């Protein structure tokens, strides 16, 4: 066990954030993304709604890497059909980011921090 000075254990100390503060911080930083990335992020969130249900693989303790790539590829195809050319790597990162938010109680998430 790591010993910490008493002041580091007080509520509101900068190094000690609860899950809501962490998610709020993440969402704030996502609002600073460039416009095109924000549009992709919103669209990815809409598409991921169909994967957001009780028992979904996105809530597995260790989601299958191949399945995550498959979801990102599907979203990439959808975005290309909507006339948006976006890097597949960027889409994969945004998909993982959105899944993280949902797994930890984000707007549509069902699982909270333990």
Protein backbone atom coordinates (compact mmCIF):
# COMPACT_ATOMS: atom_id res chain seq x y z
CA UNK A 1 0.00 0.00 0.00
CA UNK A 2 1.29 3.43 -0.96
CA UNK A 3 1.30 5.98 1.83
CA UNK A 4 0.06 9.46 0.87
CA UNK A 5 0.11 12.76 2.72
CA UNK A 6 -3.23 13.48 4.39
CA UNK A 7 -4.02 16.47 2.13
CA UNK A 8 -3.94 14.22 -0.96
CA UNK A 9 -6.89 12.22 0.41
CA UNK A 10 -9.16 15.25 0.89
CA UNK A 11 -12.16 15.67 -1.46
CA UNK A 12 -11.46 18.10 -4.27
CA UNK A 13 -7.70 17.47 -4.29
CA UNK A 14 -6.59 17.71 -7.97
CA UNK A 15 -5.20 14.17 -8.07
CA UNK A 16 -8.39 12.66 -6.68
CA UNK A 17 -11.33 12.78 -9.11
CA UNK A 18 -14.49 10.68 -8.99
CA UNK A 19 -15.95 8.99 -12.08
CA UNK A 20 -18.33 11.88 -12.87
CA UNK A 21 -15.47 14.39 -12.78
CA UNK A 22 -13.38 12.16 -15.03
CA UNK A 23 -16.21 11.77 -17.57
CA UNK A 24 -16.99 15.50 -17.47
CA UNK A 25 -13.32 16.24 -18.07
CA UNK A 26 -13.21 13.79 -20.98
CA UNK A 27 -16.36 15.23 -22.54
CA UNK A 28 -15.04 18.78 -22.15
CA UNK A 29 -11.79 17.87 -23.87
CA UNK A 30 -13.72 16.14 -26.66
CA UNK A 31 -15.57 19.41 -27.27
CA UNK A 32 -12.21 20.96 -28.19
CA UNK A 33 -11.69 18.49 -31.06
CA UNK A 34 -11.54 20.05 -34.54
CA UNK A 35 -14.94 20.35 -36.24
CA UNK A 36 -14.60 17.37 -38.59
CA UNK A 37 -13.50 15.08 -35.76
CA UNK A 38 -16.42 16.26 -33.58
CA UNK A 39 -18.87 15.50 -36.39
CA UNK A 40 -17.36 12.01 -36.78
CA UNK A 41 -17.51 11.47 -33.03
CA UNK A 42 -21.21 12.39 -32.91
CA UNK A 43 -22.00 10.11 -35.84
CA UNK A 44 -19.99 7.26 -34.29
CA UNK A 45 -21.95 7.70 -31.04
CA UNK A 46 -25.22 7.45 -33.00
CA UNK A 47 -24.07 4.29 -34.81
CA UNK A 48 -22.80 2.70 -31.59
CA UNK A 49 -26.28 3.07 -30.07
CA UNK A 50 -27.22 -0.20 -31.80
CA UNK A 51 -24.35 -1.96 -29.99
CA UNK A 52 -25.39 -0.50 -26.62
CA UNK A 53 -27.61 -3.12 -24.99
CA UNK A 54 -27.47 -5.43 -21.98
CA UNK A 55 -24.93 -8.20 -22.69
CA UNK A 56 -23.31 -6.42 -25.64
CA UNK A 57 -19.70 -7.31 -26.41
CA UNK A 58 -18.72 -3.70 -25.78
CA UNK A 59 -19.36 -4.39 -22.09
CA UNK A 60 -17.21 -7.53 -21.97
CA UNK A 61 -14.38 -7.31 -19.45
CA UNK A 62 -11.92 -7.67 -22.36
CA UNK A 63 -13.69 -6.88 -25.65
CA UNK A 64 -12.43 -8.94 -28.58
CA UNK A 65 -9.92 -6.90 -30.57
CA UNK A 66 -11.13 -8.31 -33.89
CA UNK A 67 -14.72 -7.33 -33.05
CA UNK A 68 -13.59 -3.78 -32.26
CA UNK A 69 -11.82 -3.61 -35.63
CA UNK A 70 -14.95 -4.97 -37.31
CA UNK A 71 -17.12 -2.29 -35.69
CA UNK A 72 -14.64 0.41 -36.74
CA UNK A 73 -14.59 -0.93 -40.32
CA UNK A 74 -18.40 -0.97 -40.44
CA UNK A 75 -18.53 2.62 -39.23
CA UNK A 76 -15.83 3.59 -41.73
CA UNK A 77 -17.94 2.14 -44.55
CA UNK A 78 -21.02 4.02 -43.33
CA UNK A 79 -19.11 7.31 -43.12
CA UNK A 80 -17.68 6.80 -46.62
CA UNK A 81 -21.22 6.24 -47.96
CA UNK A 82 -22.16 9.54 -46.34
CA UNK A 83 -19.35 11.21 -48.36
CA UNK A 84 -16.96 11.64 -45.44
CA UNK A 85 -13.43 10.37 -46.01
CA UNK A 86 -11.94 9.76 -42.58
CA UNK A 87 -8.84 7.85 -41.52
CA UNK A 88 -9.64 4.32 -40.32
CA UNK A 89 -7.16 4.81 -37.48
CA UNK A 90 -9.04 7.90 -36.31
CA UNK A 91 -12.34 6.03 -36.47
CA UNK A 92 -10.90 3.16 -34.44
CA UNK A 93 -9.65 5.57 -31.75
CA UNK A 94 -13.01 7.37 -31.61
CA UNK A 95 -14.87 4.03 -31.38
CA UNK A 96 -12.67 2.89 -28.47
CA UNK A 97 -13.10 6.28 -26.82
CA UNK A 98 -16.90 6.12 -27.11
CA UNK A 99 -16.98 2.53 -25.82
CA UNK A 100 -14.87 3.62 -22.84
CA UNK A 101 -17.39 6.34 -22.00
CA UNK A 102 -20.31 3.93 -22.26
CA UNK A 103 -18.59 1.29 -20.14
CA UNK A 104 -17.95 3.79 -17.38
CA UNK A 105 -21.33 5.44 -17.10
CA UNK A 106 -21.18 8.03 -19.86
CA UNK A 107 -24.36 9.51 -21.29
CA UNK A 108 -25.69 6.20 -22.54
CA UNK A 109 -23.53 3.90 -20.43
CA UNK A 110 -24.96 1.23 -18.14
CA UNK A 111 -21.91 0.31 -16.07
CA UNK A 112 -20.43 2.55 -13.39
CA UNK A 113 -16.99 2.52 -11.78
CA UNK A 114 -16.71 0.00 -8.97
